Amino acid sequence: MAKACSLPNPIARLSGDGIAGPLLLQSHIDVMPANPERWRHPPFGGDLVDGFPWEWGSLDMKGVIAMMLHVILRAKTDGMASAGDIVLALVSDDESGGDQGGR
């Protein structure tokens, strides 16, 4: 039996005309555990070092997620008529197997 995911999997759907299949925009929003002993700075401290964030997962997929959010929000705001639905899925269990998110 699959282990239940304790984090939400945000999913949004912008309906299209139904002429074409859906477009899936998918990414993950979780990070893997980090061993603090292997880091020069605390892995979950969010320290800025030389102008860059130093944190486990601080940059992983965040730019891609921002772009996908912009796409779906812009399509909605502009009243875009898409041939198929646009589905945004942000999964919370990519690093633990994807049984509750990606699957």
N, C-alpha and C. Protein backbone atom coordinates (compact mmCIF):
# COMPACT_ATOMS: atom_id res chain seq x y z
N MET A 1 0.83 -1.16 0.00
CA MET A 1 0.00 0.00 0.00
C MET A 1 0.89 1.24 0.00
N ALA A 2 0.52 2.25 -0.78
CA ALA A 2 1.31 3.48 -0.89
C ALA A 2 1.21 4.29 0.39
N LYS A 3 2.33 4.88 0.76
CA LYS A 3 2.37 5.76 1.93
C LYS A 3 1.66 7.07 1.58
N ALA A 4 0.80 7.53 2.45
CA ALA A 4 0.06 8.77 2.21
C ALA A 4 1.00 9.96 2.27
N CYS A 5 0.80 10.88 1.38
CA CYS A 5 1.59 12.11 1.34
C CYS A 5 1.02 13.08 2.37
N SER A 6 1.87 13.62 3.23
CA SER A 6 1.39 14.52 4.28
C SER A 6 1.27 15.96 3.79
N LEU A 7 1.75 16.25 2.60
CA LEU A 7 1.69 17.60 2.06
C LEU A 7 0.66 17.66 0.93
N PRO A 8 0.08 18.82 0.71
CA PRO A 8 -0.90 18.93 -0.38
C PRO A 8 -0.22 18.91 -1.76
N ASN A 9 -0.98 18.53 -2.75
CA ASN A 9 -0.54 18.57 -4.15
C ASN A 9 -1.43 19.60 -4.84
N PRO A 10 -1.03 20.87 -4.89
CA PRO A 10 -1.88 21.88 -5.53
C PRO A 10 -2.07 21.59 -7.02
N ILE A 11 -3.31 21.58 -7.44
CA ILE A 11 -3.65 21.32 -8.84
C ILE A 11 -4.68 22.35 -9.29
N ALA A 12 -4.43 22.95 -10.45
CA ALA A 12 -5.37 23.92 -11.02
C ALA A 12 -5.64 23.53 -12.47
N ARG A 13 -6.86 23.75 -12.91
CA ARG A 13 -7.24 23.44 -14.29
C ARG A 13 -7.94 24.65 -14.89
N LEU A 14 -7.44 25.08 -16.03
CA LEU A 14 -8.07 26.15 -16.79
C LEU A 14 -8.73 25.48 -17.99
N SER A 15 -10.05 25.52 -18.03
CA SER A 15 -10.79 24.80 -19.08
C SER A 15 -10.54 25.39 -20.45
N GLY A 16 -10.40 24.49 -21.41
CA GLY A 16 -10.24 24.88 -22.81
C GLY A 16 -11.49 24.55 -23.60
N ASP A 17 -11.39 24.63 -24.91
CA ASP A 17 -12.53 24.39 -25.80
C ASP A 17 -12.86 22.91 -25.98
N GLY A 18 -11.97 22.00 -25.58
CA GLY A 18 -12.21 20.58 -25.73
C GLY A 18 -11.86 20.03 -27.11
N ILE A 19 -11.26 20.86 -27.94
CA ILE A 19 -10.87 20.44 -29.29
C ILE A 19 -9.62 19.55 -29.24
N ALA A 20 -8.77 19.82 -28.28
CA ALA A 20 -7.51 19.09 -28.13
C ALA A 20 -7.41 18.53 -26.72
N GLY A 21 -6.45 17.64 -26.54
CA GLY A 21 -6.20 17.09 -25.21
C GLY A 21 -5.59 18.15 -24.30
N PRO A 22 -5.52 17.87 -23.02
CA PRO A 22 -4.99 18.84 -22.06
C PRO A 22 -3.48 19.01 -22.17
N LEU A 23 -3.01 20.16 -21.73
CA LEU A 23 -1.58 20.44 -21.60
C LEU A 23 -1.27 20.38 -20.11
N LEU A 24 -0.36 19.50 -19.71
CA LEU A 24 0.02 19.35 -18.31
C LEU A 24 1.30 20.13 -18.05
N LEU A 25 1.23 21.04 -17.09
CA LEU A 25 2.40 21.74 -16.58
C LEU A 25 2.65 21.16 -15.19
N GLN A 26 3.74 20.40 -15.03
CA GLN A 26 3.96 19.69 -13.76
C GLN A 26 5.36 19.96 -13.24
N SER A 27 5.45 20.10 -11.93
CA SER A 27 6.73 20.24 -11.27
C SER A 27 6.58 19.73 -9.84
N HIS A 28 7.68 19.71 -9.11
CA HIS A 28 7.61 19.26 -7.71
C HIS A 28 7.97 20.41 -6.78
N ILE A 29 7.40 20.36 -5.58
CA ILE A 29 7.62 21.43 -4.60
C ILE A 29 8.23 20.90 -3.31
N ASP A 30 8.69 19.66 -3.33
CA ASP A 30 9.32 19.09 -2.14
C ASP A 30 10.83 19.05 -2.30
N VAL A 31 11.52 18.83 -1.20
CA VAL A 31 12.97 18.67 -1.23
C VAL A 31 13.34 17.42 -0.44
N MET A 32 14.52 16.88 -0.74
CA MET A 32 15.01 15.70 -0.03
C MET A 32 15.57 16.10 1.33
N PRO A 33 15.59 15.15 2.27
CA PRO A 33 16.24 15.42 3.55
C PRO A 33 17.71 15.77 3.34
N ALA A 34 18.26 16.59 4.20
CA ALA A 34 19.66 17.00 4.08
C ALA A 34 20.39 16.75 5.39
N ASN A 35 21.59 16.21 5.31
CA ASN A 35 22.41 15.96 6.48
C ASN A 35 23.19 17.24 6.80
N PRO A 36 22.87 17.94 7.90
CA PRO A 36 23.54 19.21 8.23
C PRO A 36 25.05 19.10 8.38
N GLU A 37 25.55 17.91 8.73
CA GLU A 37 26.99 17.73 8.92
C GLU A 37 27.77 17.86 7.62
N ARG A 38 27.10 17.75 6.49
CA ARG A 38 27.78 17.81 5.18
C ARG A 38 27.69 19.20 4.55
N TRP A 39 27.18 20.18 5.30
CA TRP A 39 26.96 21.52 4.76
C TRP A 39 27.84 22.55 5.46
N ARG A 40 28.30 23.56 4.72
CA ARG A 40 29.06 24.67 5.30
C ARG A 40 28.14 25.64 6.02
N HIS A 41 26.88 25.69 5.61
CA HIS A 41 25.85 26.54 6.20
C HIS A 41 24.64 25.66 6.48
N PRO A 42 23.80 26.00 7.44
CA PRO A 42 22.63 25.15 7.73
C PRO A 42 21.78 24.92 6.47
N PRO A 43 21.46 23.67 6.13
CA PRO A 43 20.77 23.38 4.88
C PRO A 43 19.36 23.97 4.79
N PHE A 44 18.74 24.27 5.93
CA PHE A 44 17.40 24.86 5.91
C PHE A 44 17.39 26.23 6.57
N GLY A 45 18.56 26.88 6.62
CA GLY A 45 18.67 28.19 7.26
C GLY A 45 18.31 29.35 6.36
N GLY A 46 18.40 29.17 5.06
CA GLY A 46 18.08 30.25 4.14
C GLY A 46 19.11 31.38 4.15
N ASP A 47 20.35 31.08 4.49
CA ASP A 47 21.39 32.11 4.55
C ASP A 47 21.69 32.67 3.16
N LEU A 48 21.97 33.96 3.11
CA LEU A 48 22.46 34.57 1.88
C LEU A 48 23.97 34.64 1.97
N VAL A 49 24.65 34.02 1.02
CA VAL A 49 26.11 33.99 1.00
C VAL A 49 26.57 34.56 -0.32
N ASP A 50 27.30 35.66 -0.27
CA ASP A 50 27.77 36.34 -1.48
C ASP A 50 26.61 36.67 -2.43
N GLY A 51 25.45 36.99 -1.85
CA GLY A 51 24.30 37.40 -2.65
C GLY A 51 23.45 36.26 -3.19
N PHE A 52 23.77 35.02 -2.81
CA PHE A 52 23.01 33.87 -3.29
C PHE A 52 22.39 33.12 -2.11
N PRO A 53 21.17 32.58 -2.31
CA PRO A 53 20.57 31.78 -1.23
C PRO A 53 21.31 30.46 -1.07
N TRP A 54 21.59 30.10 0.16
CA TRP A 54 22.30 28.87 0.47
C TRP A 54 21.35 28.01 1.30
N GLU A 55 20.60 27.19 0.61
CA GLU A 55 19.63 26.36 1.30
C GLU A 55 19.28 25.18 0.40
N TRP A 56 19.11 24.04 1.00
CA TRP A 56 18.73 22.84 0.27
C TRP A 56 17.37 23.07 -0.37
N GLY A 57 17.32 23.01 -1.68
CA GLY A 57 16.05 23.18 -2.38
C GLY A 57 15.63 24.62 -2.60
N SER A 58 16.50 25.58 -2.29
CA SER A 58 16.09 26.99 -2.41
C SER A 58 15.88 27.41 -3.86
N LEU A 59 16.54 26.76 -4.78
CA LEU A 59 16.38 27.12 -6.19
C LEU A 59 15.78 26.00 -7.03
N ASP A 60 15.74 24.79 -6.49
CA ASP A 60 15.28 23.62 -7.24
C ASP A 60 13.85 23.80 -7.73
N MET A 61 13.69 23.98 -9.02
CA MET A 61 12.41 24.07 -9.72
C MET A 61 11.61 25.35 -9.43
N LYS A 62 12.13 26.24 -8.60
CA LYS A 62 11.35 27.43 -8.25
C LYS A 62 11.14 28.35 -9.44
N GLY A 63 12.16 28.53 -10.29
CA GLY A 63 12.02 29.36 -11.49
C GLY A 63 11.02 28.77 -12.48
N VAL A 64 11.08 27.45 -12.64
CA VAL A 64 10.15 26.76 -13.55
C VAL A 64 8.73 26.91 -13.04
N ILE A 65 8.53 26.73 -11.73
CA ILE A 65 7.19 26.87 -11.15
C ILE A 65 6.68 28.30 -11.33
N ALA A 66 7.53 29.29 -11.13
CA ALA A 66 7.12 30.69 -11.34
C ALA A 66 6.68 30.92 -12.78
N MET A 67 7.40 30.35 -13.73
CA MET A 67 7.02 30.50 -15.14
C MET A 67 5.69 29.83 -15.44
N MET A 68 5.49 28.62 -14.90
CA MET A 68 4.23 27.91 -15.14
C MET A 68 3.05 28.64 -14.50
N LEU A 69 3.24 29.18 -13.31
CA LEU A 69 2.19 29.98 -12.67
C LEU A 69 1.86 31.20 -13.51
N HIS A 70 2.89 31.84 -14.03
CA HIS A 70 2.67 33.02 -14.89
C HIS A 70 1.86 32.63 -16.13
N VAL A 71 2.19 31.51 -16.74
CA VAL A 71 1.47 31.06 -17.95
C VAL A 71 -0.01 30.88 -17.67
N ILE A 72 -0.35 30.14 -16.61
CA ILE A 72 -1.75 29.84 -16.36
C ILE A 72 -2.51 31.08 -15.88
N LEU A 73 -1.85 31.93 -15.08
CA LEU A 73 -2.51 33.16 -14.63
C LEU A 73 -2.70 34.14 -15.79
N ARG A 74 -1.71 34.23 -16.64
CA ARG A 74 -1.82 35.13 -17.81
C ARG A 74 -2.91 34.65 -18.77
N ALA A 75 -2.98 33.34 -18.99
CA ALA A 75 -4.02 32.78 -19.86
C ALA A 75 -5.41 33.10 -19.30
N LYS A 76 -5.57 32.97 -17.99
CA LYS A 76 -6.86 33.26 -17.35
C LYS A 76 -7.17 34.76 -17.43
N THR A 77 -6.22 35.59 -17.08
CA THR A 77 -6.41 37.04 -17.08
C THR A 77 -6.73 37.57 -18.46
N ASP A 78 -6.04 37.05 -19.48
CA ASP A 78 -6.25 37.52 -20.85
C ASP A 78 -7.47 36.87 -21.53
N GLY A 79 -8.12 35.94 -20.84
CA GLY A 79 -9.27 35.27 -21.44
C GLY A 79 -8.90 34.41 -22.63
N MET A 80 -7.71 33.83 -22.60
CA MET A 80 -7.22 33.02 -23.71
C MET A 80 -8.13 31.81 -23.96
N ALA A 81 -8.46 31.56 -25.21
CA ALA A 81 -9.26 30.40 -25.59
C ALA A 81 -8.31 29.29 -26.03
N SER A 82 -8.04 28.36 -25.13
CA SER A 82 -7.13 27.25 -25.42
C SER A 82 -7.91 26.10 -26.05
N ALA A 83 -7.28 25.39 -26.99
CA ALA A 83 -7.93 24.25 -27.63
C ALA A 83 -8.20 23.13 -26.63
N GLY A 84 -7.35 23.00 -25.64
CA GLY A 84 -7.52 21.98 -24.59
C GLY A 84 -7.31 22.60 -23.22
N ASP A 85 -7.66 21.86 -22.19
CA ASP A 85 -7.45 22.36 -20.83
C ASP A 85 -5.96 22.56 -20.56
N ILE A 86 -5.65 23.51 -19.70
CA ILE A 86 -4.29 23.69 -19.19
C ILE A 86 -4.34 23.26 -17.73
N VAL A 87 -3.54 22.26 -17.38
CA VAL A 87 -3.54 21.72 -16.02
C VAL A 87 -2.19 22.00 -15.38
N LEU A 88 -2.22 22.63 -14.21
CA LEU A 88 -1.01 22.90 -13.43
C LEU A 88 -1.02 21.96 -12.24
N ALA A 89 -0.01 21.10 -12.11
CA ALA A 89 0.09 20.14 -11.01
C ALA A 89 1.44 20.32 -10.33
N LEU A 90 1.40 20.70 -9.06
CA LEU A 90 2.61 20.85 -8.26
C LEU A 90 2.61 19.75 -7.21
N VAL A 91 3.45 18.75 -7.40
CA VAL A 91 3.41 17.57 -6.55
C VAL A 91 4.36 17.69 -5.37
N SER A 92 3.93 17.14 -4.25
CA SER A 92 4.68 17.27 -2.99
C SER A 92 5.47 16.04 -2.61
N ASP A 93 5.45 15.02 -3.45
CA ASP A 93 6.13 13.78 -3.05
C ASP A 93 7.07 13.23 -4.12
N ASP A 94 7.60 14.11 -4.95
CA ASP A 94 8.52 13.69 -6.01
C ASP A 94 9.74 12.97 -5.43
N GLU A 95 10.26 13.47 -4.33
CA GLU A 95 11.48 12.91 -3.75
C GLU A 95 11.22 11.65 -2.92
N SER A 96 9.93 11.28 -2.73
CA SER A 96 9.62 10.09 -1.95
C SER A 96 8.84 9.06 -2.78
N GLY A 97 8.97 9.11 -4.10
CA GLY A 97 8.38 8.07 -4.93
C GLY A 97 7.25 8.51 -5.83
N GLY A 98 6.58 9.61 -5.53
CA GLY A 98 5.52 10.11 -6.39
C GLY A 98 4.22 9.33 -6.35
N ASP A 99 4.04 8.47 -5.36
CA ASP A 99 2.84 7.64 -5.31
C ASP A 99 1.55 8.45 -5.13
N GLN A 100 1.62 9.58 -4.45
CA GLN A 100 0.44 10.37 -4.19
C GLN A 100 0.37 11.63 -5.04
N GLY A 101 1.44 11.99 -5.69
CA GLY A 101 1.48 13.20 -6.50
C GLY A 101 1.55 12.91 -7.98
N GLY A 102 2.74 12.58 -8.46
CA GLY A 102 2.95 12.34 -9.88
C GLY A 102 2.11 11.21 -10.45
N ARG A 103 1.91 10.19 -9.68
CA ARG A 103 1.11 9.07 -10.17
C ARG A 103 -0.33 9.49 -10.33
